[in-house]
Protein backbone atom coordinates (compact mmCIF):
# COMPACT_ATOMS: atom_id res chain seq x y z
CA UNK A 1 38.14 -29.08 16.38
CA UNK A 2 35.48 -29.92 13.83
CA UNK A 3 32.49 -27.74 13.12
CA UNK A 4 29.09 -28.95 12.03
CA UNK A 5 27.82 -27.35 8.85
CA UNK A 6 24.15 -26.35 8.72
CA UNK A 7 22.10 -28.02 6.02
CA UNK A 8 20.19 -25.94 3.45
CA UNK A 9 16.96 -26.87 5.20
CA UNK A 10 18.28 -25.62 8.54
CA UNK A 11 19.45 -22.37 6.95
CA UNK A 12 16.06 -21.87 5.34
CA UNK A 13 14.34 -22.53 8.68
CA UNK A 14 16.53 -19.95 10.41
CA UNK A 15 15.49 -17.28 7.91
CA UNK A 16 11.76 -17.87 8.37
CA UNK A 17 11.58 -16.22 11.80
CA UNK A 18 13.30 -12.96 10.80
CA UNK A 19 11.43 -12.99 7.47
CA UNK A 20 8.04 -13.30 9.15
CA UNK A 21 8.99 -10.57 11.62
CA UNK A 22 10.00 -8.23 8.79
CA UNK A 23 6.83 -8.96 6.81
CA UNK A 24 4.65 -8.43 9.88
CA UNK A 25 6.39 -5.19 10.82
CA UNK A 26 6.09 -3.95 7.24
CA UNK A 27 2.37 -4.75 7.08
CA UNK A 28 1.64 -3.02 10.39
CA UNK A 29 3.72 0.03 9.45
CA UNK A 30 1.97 0.29 6.07
CA UNK A 31 -1.41 0.11 7.78
CA UNK A 32 -0.46 2.99 10.07
CA UNK A 33 -0.47 5.35 7.09
CA UNK A 34 -4.24 5.67 7.12
CA UNK A 35 -4.22 6.44 10.85
CA UNK A 36 -1.68 9.23 10.41
CA UNK A 37 -3.62 10.72 7.49
CA UNK A 38 -6.85 10.73 9.51
CA UNK A 39 -5.04 12.41 12.42
CA UNK A 40 -3.60 15.08 10.11
CA UNK A 41 -7.03 15.87 8.67
CA UNK A 42 -8.11 16.98 12.15
CA UNK A 43 -5.83 20.01 11.76
CA UNK A 44 -7.62 21.33 8.68
CA UNK A 45 -5.07 20.32 6.03
CA UNK A 46 -6.24 19.21 2.57
CA UNK A 47 -5.18 16.17 0.56
CA UNK A 48 -2.99 18.09 -1.93
CA UNK A 49 -0.92 19.70 0.83
CA UNK A 50 -0.77 16.60 2.99
CA UNK A 51 0.48 14.27 0.28
CA UNK A 52 3.02 16.89 -0.82
CA UNK A 53 4.49 17.01 2.69
CA UNK A 54 4.64 13.24 2.89
CA UNK A 55 6.41 12.93 -0.46
CA UNK A 56 8.71 15.89 0.23
CA UNK A 57 10.13 14.13 3.29
CA UNK A 58 10.16 10.72 1.58
CA UNK A 59 11.96 11.88 -1.60
CA UNK A 60 15.54 11.81 -0.18
CA UNK A 61 14.97 8.30 1.19
CA UNK A 62 13.66 6.91 -2.09
CA UNK A 63 16.33 8.69 -4.15
CA UNK A 64 18.96 7.11 -1.90
CA UNK A 65 17.27 3.73 -2.32
CA UNK A 66 17.36 4.07 -6.13
CA UNK A 67 21.03 5.12 -6.09
CA UNK A 68 22.02 2.27 -3.76
CA UNK A 69 20.23 -0.39 -5.80
CA UNK A 70 21.61 0.99 -9.08
CA UNK A 71 25.30 0.96 -8.15
CA UNK A 72 27.31 -0.82 -10.81
CA UNK A 73 24.22 -1.43 -12.93
CA UNK A 74 23.79 -0.26 -16.56
CA UNK A 75 22.30 3.19 -17.08
CA UNK A 76 18.60 3.39 -17.87
CA UNK A 77 17.59 3.64 -21.49
CA UNK A 78 14.95 6.07 -22.76
CA UNK A 79 12.43 3.23 -22.77
CA UNK A 80 13.33 2.43 -19.17
CA UNK A 81 12.76 6.03 -18.10
CA UNK A 82 9.38 6.15 -19.87
CA UNK A 83 8.37 2.96 -18.10
CA UNK A 84 9.56 4.25 -14.72
CA UNK A 85 7.60 7.47 -15.22
CA UNK A 86 4.41 5.60 -16.16
CA UNK A 87 4.75 3.19 -13.26
CA UNK A 88 5.52 6.01 -10.83
CA UNK A 89 2.49 7.94 -12.02
CA UNK A 90 0.07 5.01 -11.72
CA UNK A 91 1.48 3.02 -8.83
CA UNK A 92 2.55 5.72 -6.41
CA UNK A 93 1.36 9.20 -7.44
CA UNK A 94 -2.21 8.59 -8.60
CA UNK A 95 -2.79 5.69 -6.25
CA UNK A 96 -1.52 7.63 -3.22
CA UNK A 97 -3.43 10.81 -4.04
CA UNK A 98 -6.74 8.98 -4.54
CA UNK A 99 -6.16 7.11 -1.29
CA UNK A 100 -5.46 10.31 0.66
CA UNK A 101 -8.48 12.02 -0.88
CA UNK A 102 -10.77 9.08 -0.07
CA UNK A 103 -9.66 8.97 3.57
CA UNK A 104 -11.26 12.39 4.07
CA UNK A 105 -14.68 10.70 3.70
CA UNK A 106 -14.43 7.16 5.09
CA UNK A 107 -12.94 5.39 8.09
CA UNK A 108 -9.44 3.96 8.09
CA UNK A 109 -10.92 0.48 8.58
CA UNK A 110 -12.97 0.57 5.38
CA UNK A 111 -10.03 2.08 3.47
CA UNK A 112 -7.71 -0.76 4.46
CA UNK A 113 -10.26 -3.44 3.56
CA UNK A 114 -10.77 -1.92 0.11
CA UNK A 115 -7.03 -1.78 -0.54
CA UNK A 116 -6.74 -5.38 0.61
CA UNK A 117 -8.78 -6.37 -2.46
CA UNK A 118 -5.76 -5.52 -4.62
CA UNK A 119 -4.83 -9.14 -5.51
CA UNK A 120 -8.28 -9.67 -7.03
CA UNK A 121 -7.84 -6.60 -9.25
CA UNK A 122 -4.41 -7.80 -10.35
CA UNK A 123 -5.95 -11.12 -11.40
CA UNK A 124 -8.78 -9.39 -13.26
CA UNK A 125 -6.35 -7.19 -15.18
CA UNK A 126 -4.18 -10.23 -15.87
CA UNK A 127 -7.22 -11.97 -17.30
CA UNK A 128 -8.06 -8.94 -19.46
CA UNK A 129 -4.52 -8.31 -20.68
CA UNK A 130 -3.04 -11.82 -20.82
CA UNK A 131 -6.12 -14.09 -20.69
CA UNK A 132 -4.89 -15.72 -17.47
CA UNK A 133 -7.34 -18.31 -16.21
CA UNK A 134 -9.49 -17.60 -13.13
CA UNK A 135 -10.47 -20.73 -11.18
CA UNK A 136 -13.79 -21.35 -9.49
CA UNK A 137 -12.15 -21.16 -6.06
CA UNK A 138 -10.64 -17.79 -6.93
CA UNK A 139 -14.03 -16.55 -8.08
CA UNK A 140 -15.57 -17.75 -4.81
CA UNK A 141 -12.84 -16.04 -2.78
CA UNK A 142 -13.40 -12.80 -4.68
CA UNK A 143 -17.15 -12.98 -4.07
CA UNK A 144 -16.65 -13.50 -0.34
CA UNK A 145 -14.17 -10.62 -0.08
CA UNK A 146 -16.31 -8.13 -1.97
CA UNK A 147 -19.32 -9.14 0.13
CA UNK A 148 -17.30 -8.28 3.23
CA UNK A 149 -16.42 -4.84 1.86
CA UNK A 150 -20.05 -4.17 0.96
CA UNK A 151 -21.05 -5.16 4.49
CA UNK A 152 -18.65 -2.64 6.06
CA UNK A 153 -19.64 -0.02 3.47
CA UNK A 154 -23.30 -0.46 4.36
CA UNK A 155 -22.46 0.08 8.03
CA UNK A 156 -20.48 3.21 7.10
CA UNK A 157 -23.44 4.63 5.18
CA UNK A 158 -25.60 4.25 8.29
CA UNK A 159 -23.08 6.20 10.40
CA UNK A 160 -22.83 9.29 8.19
CA UNK A 161 -23.76 10.88 4.89
CA UNK A 162 -24.28 8.22 2.27
CA UNK A 163 -23.04 10.41 -0.60
CA UNK A 164 -19.77 11.20 1.20
CA UNK A 165 -19.19 7.54 2.10
CA UNK A 166 -19.88 6.45 -1.48
CA UNK A 167 -17.51 9.10 -2.86
CA UNK A 168 -14.73 8.16 -0.45
CA UNK A 169 -15.20 4.45 -1.19
CA UNK A 170 -15.01 5.11 -4.92
CA UNK A 171 -11.80 7.14 -4.56
CA UNK A 172 -10.07 4.46 -2.50
CA UNK A 173 -11.25 1.72 -4.84
CA UNK A 174 -9.82 3.68 -7.80
CA UNK A 175 -6.60 3.94 -5.79
CA UNK A 176 -6.51 0.14 -5.58
CA UNK A 177 -7.21 -0.07 -9.32
CA UNK A 178 -4.35 2.32 -10.09
CA UNK A 179 -1.92 0.30 -7.97
CA UNK A 180 -3.09 -2.96 -9.55
CA UNK A 181 -2.29 -1.48 -12.99
CA UNK A 182 1.20 -0.76 -11.69
CA UNK A 183 1.67 -4.32 -10.43
CA UNK A 184 0.51 -5.87 -13.71
CA UNK A 185 2.64 -3.56 -15.86
CA UNK A 186 5.77 -3.67 -13.70
CA UNK A 187 6.73 -7.31 -14.33
CA UNK A 188 9.03 -6.65 -17.28
CA UNK A 189 10.74 -3.70 -15.59
CA UNK A 190 11.29 -5.64 -12.36
CA UNK A 191 13.26 -8.21 -14.37
CA UNK A 192 15.27 -5.49 -16.14
CA UNK A 193 15.98 -3.14 -13.24
CA UNK A 194 15.44 -5.16 -10.08
CA UNK A 195 12.60 -4.63 -7.61
CA UNK A 196 14.40 -2.30 -5.17
CA UNK A 197 15.80 -0.06 -7.90
CA UNK A 198 12.44 0.13 -9.66
CA UNK A 199 10.61 1.00 -6.43
CA UNK A 200 13.16 3.68 -5.60
CA UNK A 201 12.95 5.27 -9.04
CA UNK A 202 9.16 5.02 -9.40
CA UNK A 203 8.49 6.44 -5.96
CA UNK A 204 10.97 9.27 -6.59
CA UNK A 205 9.00 10.14 -9.72
CA UNK A 206 5.79 10.09 -7.68
CA UNK A 207 7.34 12.37 -5.06
CA UNK A 208 8.26 14.93 -7.73
CA UNK A 209 4.74 14.74 -9.22
CA UNK A 210 3.09 15.31 -5.84
CA UNK A 211 5.33 18.33 -5.17
CA UNK A 212 4.62 19.71 -8.66
CA UNK A 213 0.89 19.23 -8.12
CA UNK A 214 1.07 21.31 -4.95
CA UNK A 215 3.06 24.07 -6.67
CA UNK A 216 0.44 24.25 -9.46
CA UNK A 217 -2.68 24.09 -7.27
CA UNK A 218 -1.72 25.83 -4.03
CA UNK A 219 0.23 28.97 -3.05
CA UNK A 220 3.61 28.26 -1.52
CA UNK A 221 2.45 29.94 1.69
CA UNK A 222 -0.02 27.07 2.21
CA UNK A 223 2.84 24.78 3.23
CA UNK A 224 3.93 27.25 5.91
CA UNK A 225 0.46 27.71 7.33
CA UNK A 226 -0.14 24.10 8.35
CA UNK A 227 -0.12 23.18 12.03
CA UNK A 228 3.22 21.93 13.43
CA UNK A 229 1.52 18.62 14.21
CA UNK A 230 0.90 18.10 10.49
CA UNK A 231 4.62 18.47 9.79
CA UNK A 232 5.59 15.90 12.39
CA UNK A 233 2.84 13.52 11.27
CA UNK A 234 4.07 13.86 7.66
CA UNK A 235 7.65 13.07 8.70
CA UNK A 236 6.38 9.99 10.54
CA UNK A 237 4.29 9.00 7.52
CA UNK A 238 7.23 9.41 5.12
CA UNK A 239 9.63 7.33 7.22
CA UNK A 240 7.86 4.83 9.45
CA UNK A 241 4.83 4.23 7.20
CA UNK A 242 6.35 4.66 3.71
CA UNK A 243 10.09 4.12 3.23
CA UNK A 244 10.84 1.68 6.05
CA UNK A 245 7.95 -0.71 5.24
CA UNK A 246 9.14 -0.91 1.62
CA UNK A 247 12.56 -2.06 2.79
CA UNK A 248 11.09 -4.43 5.39
CA UNK A 249 8.81 -6.15 2.88
CA UNK A 250 11.60 -6.41 0.28
CA UNK A 251 13.90 -8.02 2.86
CA UNK A 252 11.08 -10.34 3.95
CA UNK A 253 10.47 -11.49 0.38
CA UNK A 254 14.16 -12.35 0.04
CA UNK A 255 13.91 -14.59 3.11
CA UNK A 256 10.47 -16.22 2.90
CA UNK A 257 9.29 -15.56 -0.66
CA UNK A 258 6.41 -13.44 -1.98
CA UNK A 259 3.64 -15.95 -1.21
CA UNK A 260 4.35 -16.20 2.52
CA UNK A 261 5.03 -12.47 2.72
CA UNK A 262 1.63 -11.80 1.15
CA UNK A 263 -0.09 -14.14 3.62
CA UNK A 264 1.60 -12.33 6.52
CA UNK A 265 0.17 -9.09 5.15
CA UNK A 266 -3.21 -10.22 6.50
CA UNK A 267 -2.29 -8.56 9.78
CA UNK A 268 -2.55 -5.20 7.98
CA UNK A 269 -6.36 -4.82 8.00
CA UNK A 270 -6.61 -6.08 11.57
CA UNK A 271 -3.93 -3.68 12.81
CA UNK A 272 -5.60 -0.76 10.99
CA UNK A 273 -8.94 -1.55 12.62
CA UNK A 274 -7.31 -1.89 16.05
CA UNK A 275 -5.42 1.41 15.71
CA UNK A 276 -8.55 3.08 14.33
CA UNK A 277 -10.48 2.08 17.44
CA UNK A 278 -7.74 2.93 19.95
CA UNK A 279 -6.25 6.07 18.35
CA UNK A 280 -9.05 7.56 16.25
CA UNK A 281 -12.03 6.39 18.29
CA UNK A 282 -13.64 4.72 15.27
CA UNK A 283 -16.53 2.36 16.06
CA UNK A 284 -16.07 -1.39 16.07
CA UNK A 285 -19.29 -3.31 15.67
CA UNK A 286 -20.37 -6.81 14.78
CA UNK A 287 -20.93 -5.63 11.19
CA UNK A 288 -17.32 -4.43 10.87
CA UNK A 289 -16.03 -7.61 12.49
CA UNK A 290 -18.08 -9.78 10.14
CA UNK A 291 -17.03 -7.79 7.08
CA UNK A 292 -13.37 -7.99 8.06
CA UNK A 293 -13.56 -11.76 8.55
CA UNK A 294 -15.19 -12.16 5.14
CA UNK A 295 -12.58 -10.02 3.38
CA UNK A 296 -9.61 -11.76 4.99
CA UNK A 297 -11.12 -15.24 4.51
CA UNK A 298 -11.94 -14.52 0.89
CA UNK A 299 -8.45 -13.23 0.09
CA UNK A 300 -6.93 -16.21 1.93
CA UNK A 301 -8.90 -18.64 -0.26
CA UNK A 302 -8.15 -16.54 -3.32
CA UNK A 303 -4.37 -16.49 -2.81
CA UNK A 304 -4.04 -20.09 -1.59
CA UNK A 305 -5.91 -21.55 -4.56
CA UNK A 306 -4.14 -19.25 -7.03
CA UNK A 307 -0.60 -20.38 -6.33
């Protein structure tokens, strides 16, 4: 009995469905992080304690990820360890802490839209560091996206204290800058170590830094005094919204490539806004809708013309 062999095109087509599903699930799970942080803030916890709890529960998962990806691979050199430490500090410790701190002042919707500007920052740093060309279409896409963020920011200022909204926006934007530095600087180390191993090692470094920050700035009793709901929210944040999305996106990239995976990530801002309205009771107005459309449209033009 003869069997019909699938062609390469058919095999590629079969992987698109699961790849898109993984990328979508990863984007939605990532976007849920802001919702969980906002919920935890309702129980009186501060950013230093909250990020420590998240990283404490995530550390075993990322350490296991680094070990699994490094099996049979050469040991890291001193230069590799220095690079991993620097990338972990910028891409996951500093970026995460600034993001958590900013969420205390602004809505989850505005936070997600600011972070969605990350590709534009990567291009700007690439232009500064490597003189990579920026096209007119990319410039137009950037202008549209930043206009959308300013539109939502203006609406946020009208809802509350302008100084608090400006401070929170600045913190989250600096978080995006810190992560963009990580993305630009990580290229060489991704080739040397592999993406999964690098992510596992860098995030493990960030987890240790967040725990050390808590030990230096807060009494140990502060971790025991948080509400039980904060503990469970931190466990959910560490697993469903941190470790699992990393694996999902990595698996998606293997199946559909980074470009399509990035395009699928557009569901992230929309899912954050939807969860913010349904779970947090955040307002959804025509201004927010218009700003979101501008940001997503601008990034779509930016990424499509930059391939």
